[in-house]
Amino acid sequence: MSQKLLLSNEDLRIILYRLACQLKETHDDFAQTLLVGLQPRGVRLAERLVHILTDHYKVANLQLSKLDITFFRDDFRRGDKVLNPNANMMEASIENKRVVLIDDVLYTGRSIRSALTAIDSYGRPAEIQLLTLIDRRFSRHLPIQPDFCGRQVDAIQNERVVVCWEEEDNEDAVYLVNK
């Protein structure tokens, strides 16, 4: 198994600030916006963006929720893999809000489809946008594209994109890993 560094700590920092800036330009004061991190890996990205938006851009009204899509996945209860759900923390109403779904890697689009189904359980948003750190653009099974994207990566089927966060993996980096 080999790995190639796609984004260093500094590259990741620059992309996070760019994504936060794009969110600020699009959502202004965030009064009608709800950021929703997809459990587990999208939550870390969402928390980083919230930190930048509050500390650097002085946004005061940010609302962050955490959504687990385990029971909405199309592969739930298929095969021998045991899925361990995370807690949903949808603390804010999504009714007539602009919802930004946040995930680390967009691959086939199936997780996002599951998230869209799960969001229906919480009401009807005015709009749903998608923010991803990495877009594996040639691997899509569904016609889903991000509104905000950190970086596009061309990876073949036997490669994985691994996002590492300091809090969990002792480094901020993104790798392309051959299986």
Protein backbone atom coordinates (compact mmCIF):
# COMPACT_ATOMS: atom_id res chain seq x y z
CA MET A 1 0.00 0.00 0.00
CA SER A 2 1.45 3.35 -1.04
CA GLN A 3 0.29 6.86 -0.38
CA LYS A 4 0.78 10.22 -2.05
CA LEU A 5 0.37 13.55 -0.26
CA LEU A 6 -2.38 15.57 -1.97
CA LEU A 7 -2.72 18.42 0.54
CA SER A 8 -0.23 19.45 3.19
CA ASN A 9 -1.12 21.20 6.42
CA GLU A 10 -0.60 24.60 4.75
CA ASP A 11 -2.57 23.62 1.62
CA LEU A 12 -5.45 22.47 3.81
CA ARG A 13 -5.39 25.69 5.83
CA ILE A 14 -5.57 27.81 2.65
CA ILE A 15 -8.47 25.76 1.27
CA LEU A 16 -10.39 25.96 4.55
CA TYR A 17 -10.07 29.76 4.57
CA ARG A 18 -11.18 29.92 0.93
CA LEU A 19 -14.23 27.75 1.62
CA ALA A 20 -15.12 29.86 4.68
CA CYS A 21 -14.79 33.00 2.56
CA GLN A 22 -17.06 31.54 -0.13
CA LEU A 23 -19.65 30.65 2.52
CA LYS A 24 -19.45 34.17 3.95
CA GLU A 25 -19.92 35.73 0.51
CA THR A 26 -22.92 33.50 -0.22
CA HIS A 27 -24.65 33.54 3.19
CA ASP A 28 -23.68 36.97 4.60
CA ASP A 29 -24.78 36.97 8.27
CA PHE A 30 -25.96 33.32 8.28
CA ALA A 31 -29.26 34.26 9.96
CA GLN A 32 -31.20 31.95 7.62
CA THR A 33 -28.44 29.36 7.19
CA LEU A 34 -27.82 26.07 8.95
CA LEU A 35 -24.51 24.23 8.53
CA VAL A 36 -24.94 20.45 8.75
CA GLY A 37 -21.87 18.26 9.15
CA LEU A 38 -22.34 14.65 8.09
CA GLN A 39 -21.23 12.20 10.77
CA PRO A 40 -18.48 11.39 11.35
CA ARG A 41 -15.87 12.97 9.03
CA GLY A 42 -17.91 15.90 7.73
CA VAL A 43 -18.41 17.15 11.27
CA ARG A 44 -14.70 17.84 11.73
CA LEU A 45 -14.66 19.87 8.50
CA ALA A 46 -17.78 21.76 9.58
CA GLU A 47 -16.26 22.54 13.00
CA ARG A 48 -13.11 23.89 11.34
CA LEU A 49 -15.19 26.13 9.07
CA VAL A 50 -17.27 27.38 12.01
CA HIS A 51 -14.06 28.22 13.88
CA ILE A 52 -12.73 30.24 10.93
CA LEU A 53 -16.06 32.00 10.34
CA THR A 54 -16.46 33.01 13.98
CA ASP A 55 -12.83 33.89 14.76
CA HIS A 56 -11.62 35.37 11.48
CA TYR A 57 -14.81 36.67 9.85
CA LYS A 58 -16.62 37.49 13.14
CA VAL A 59 -19.86 35.74 12.15
CA ALA A 60 -22.01 35.62 15.27
CA ASN A 61 -25.14 33.70 14.31
CA LEU A 62 -23.74 30.39 13.11
CA GLN A 63 -25.82 27.30 13.65
CA LEU A 64 -24.13 23.90 13.32
CA SER A 65 -25.92 20.58 13.41
CA LYS A 66 -24.60 17.04 13.04
CA LEU A 67 -26.45 14.50 10.92
CA ASP A 68 -25.95 10.73 10.96
CA ILE A 69 -27.08 9.04 7.74
CA THR A 70 -26.46 5.42 8.79
CA PHE A 71 -30.11 4.32 8.71
CA PHE A 72 -30.75 6.12 5.42
CA ARG A 73 -27.93 4.46 3.47
CA ASP A 74 -28.89 2.15 0.60
CA ASP A 75 -26.38 -0.42 1.87
CA PHE A 76 -27.73 -0.47 5.43
CA ARG A 77 -28.07 -4.10 6.60
CA ARG A 78 -26.42 -5.45 3.46
CA GLY A 79 -23.48 -7.76 3.83
CA ASP A 80 -21.56 -8.53 6.99
CA LYS A 81 -20.41 -5.01 7.77
CA VAL A 82 -21.78 -3.72 11.07
CA LEU A 83 -22.51 -0.01 11.00
CA ASN A 84 -22.25 1.96 14.23
CA PRO A 85 -24.48 5.01 14.09
CA ASN A 86 -23.50 8.35 15.60
CA ALA A 87 -25.85 10.64 17.45
CA ASN A 88 -27.88 13.12 15.43
CA MET A 89 -27.60 16.61 16.81
CA MET A 90 -30.10 18.49 14.67
CA GLU A 91 -30.71 21.22 17.22
CA ALA A 92 -31.96 23.93 14.90
CA SER A 93 -35.04 23.94 12.72
CA ILE A 94 -34.38 23.57 9.02
CA GLU A 95 -37.81 24.87 8.02
CA ASN A 96 -37.31 27.55 5.30
CA LYS A 97 -33.56 27.72 6.04
CA ARG A 98 -30.66 27.51 3.65
CA VAL A 99 -28.98 24.23 4.59
CA VAL A 100 -25.34 23.58 3.75
CA LEU A 101 -24.47 19.88 3.89
CA ILE A 102 -20.78 19.43 4.70
CA ASP A 103 -18.74 16.28 4.05
CA ASP A 104 -15.05 15.59 3.63
CA VAL A 105 -15.02 13.52 0.41
CA LEU A 106 -17.62 13.34 -2.35
CA TYR A 107 -17.16 9.99 -4.05
CA THR A 108 -20.15 8.11 -5.48
CA GLY A 109 -22.80 10.56 -4.25
CA ARG A 110 -24.66 7.87 -2.30
CA SER A 111 -23.90 9.42 1.11
CA ILE A 112 -25.26 12.76 -0.06
CA ARG A 113 -28.40 11.08 -1.43
CA SER A 114 -28.82 9.49 2.01
CA ALA A 115 -28.32 12.86 3.67
CA LEU A 116 -30.98 14.44 1.46
CA THR A 117 -33.40 11.69 2.48
CA ALA A 118 -32.50 12.14 6.16
CA ILE A 119 -32.99 15.92 5.96
CA ASP A 120 -36.60 15.32 4.89
CA SER A 121 -37.24 13.97 8.41
CA TYR A 122 -36.53 17.40 9.87
CA GLY A 123 -38.65 19.64 7.67
CA ARG A 124 -38.49 21.47 4.38
CA PRO A 125 -35.52 23.78 3.83
CA ALA A 126 -35.67 26.69 1.41
CA GLU A 127 -32.48 25.48 -0.28
CA ILE A 128 -29.82 22.81 0.15
CA GLN A 129 -26.20 23.32 -0.86
CA LEU A 130 -23.26 20.94 -0.69
CA LEU A 131 -19.74 21.71 0.50
CA THR A 132 -17.01 19.10 0.19
CA LEU A 133 -13.31 19.28 0.87
CA ILE A 134 -12.47 16.74 -1.87
CA ASP A 135 -14.47 15.96 -4.99
CA ARG A 136 -13.58 12.65 -6.65
CA ARG A 137 -15.25 13.78 -9.84
CA PHE A 138 -14.88 10.67 -12.04
CA SER A 139 -16.45 8.22 -9.59
CA ARG A 140 -20.02 9.45 -9.35
CA HIS A 141 -22.91 6.97 -9.36
CA LEU A 142 -25.52 9.73 -8.95
CA PRO A 143 -25.80 13.19 -10.56
CA ILE A 144 -24.65 15.11 -7.48
CA GLN A 145 -22.15 17.98 -7.63
CA PRO A 146 -20.81 20.22 -4.84
CA ASP A 147 -21.66 23.93 -4.68
CA PHE A 148 -18.43 24.55 -2.77
CA CYS A 149 -15.36 22.37 -3.33
CA GLY A 150 -11.90 22.51 -1.81
CA ARG A 151 -10.17 20.46 -4.48
CA GLN A 152 -11.04 18.08 -7.27
CA VAL A 153 -9.10 14.83 -7.36
CA ASP A 154 -8.88 12.34 -10.18
CA ALA A 155 -8.56 8.93 -8.57
CA ILE A 156 -9.06 5.49 -10.03
CA GLN A 157 -11.24 2.85 -8.40
CA ASN A 158 -8.48 1.13 -6.40
CA GLU A 159 -7.41 4.43 -4.78
CA ARG A 160 -8.85 6.01 -1.65
CA VAL A 161 -8.73 9.63 -0.54
CA VAL A 162 -7.90 9.84 3.17
CA VAL A 163 -8.46 13.12 5.03
CA CYS A 164 -6.46 13.38 8.26
CA TRP A 165 -7.34 15.85 11.01
CA GLU A 166 -4.99 16.89 13.80
CA GLU A 167 -7.59 16.15 16.47
CA GLU A 168 -8.01 12.53 15.38
CA ASP A 169 -5.01 11.59 13.26
CA ASN A 170 -2.24 13.81 14.71
CA GLU A 171 -1.84 15.73 11.44
CA ASP A 172 -3.76 17.88 8.98
CA ALA A 173 -3.25 16.38 5.54
CA VAL A 174 -4.98 14.65 2.64
CA TYR A 175 -3.52 11.53 1.03
CA LEU A 176 -4.26 9.43 -2.03
CA VAL A 177 -3.81 5.81 -0.94
CA ASN A 178 -3.49 2.79 -3.22
CA LYS A 179 -5.35 -0.19 -1.78
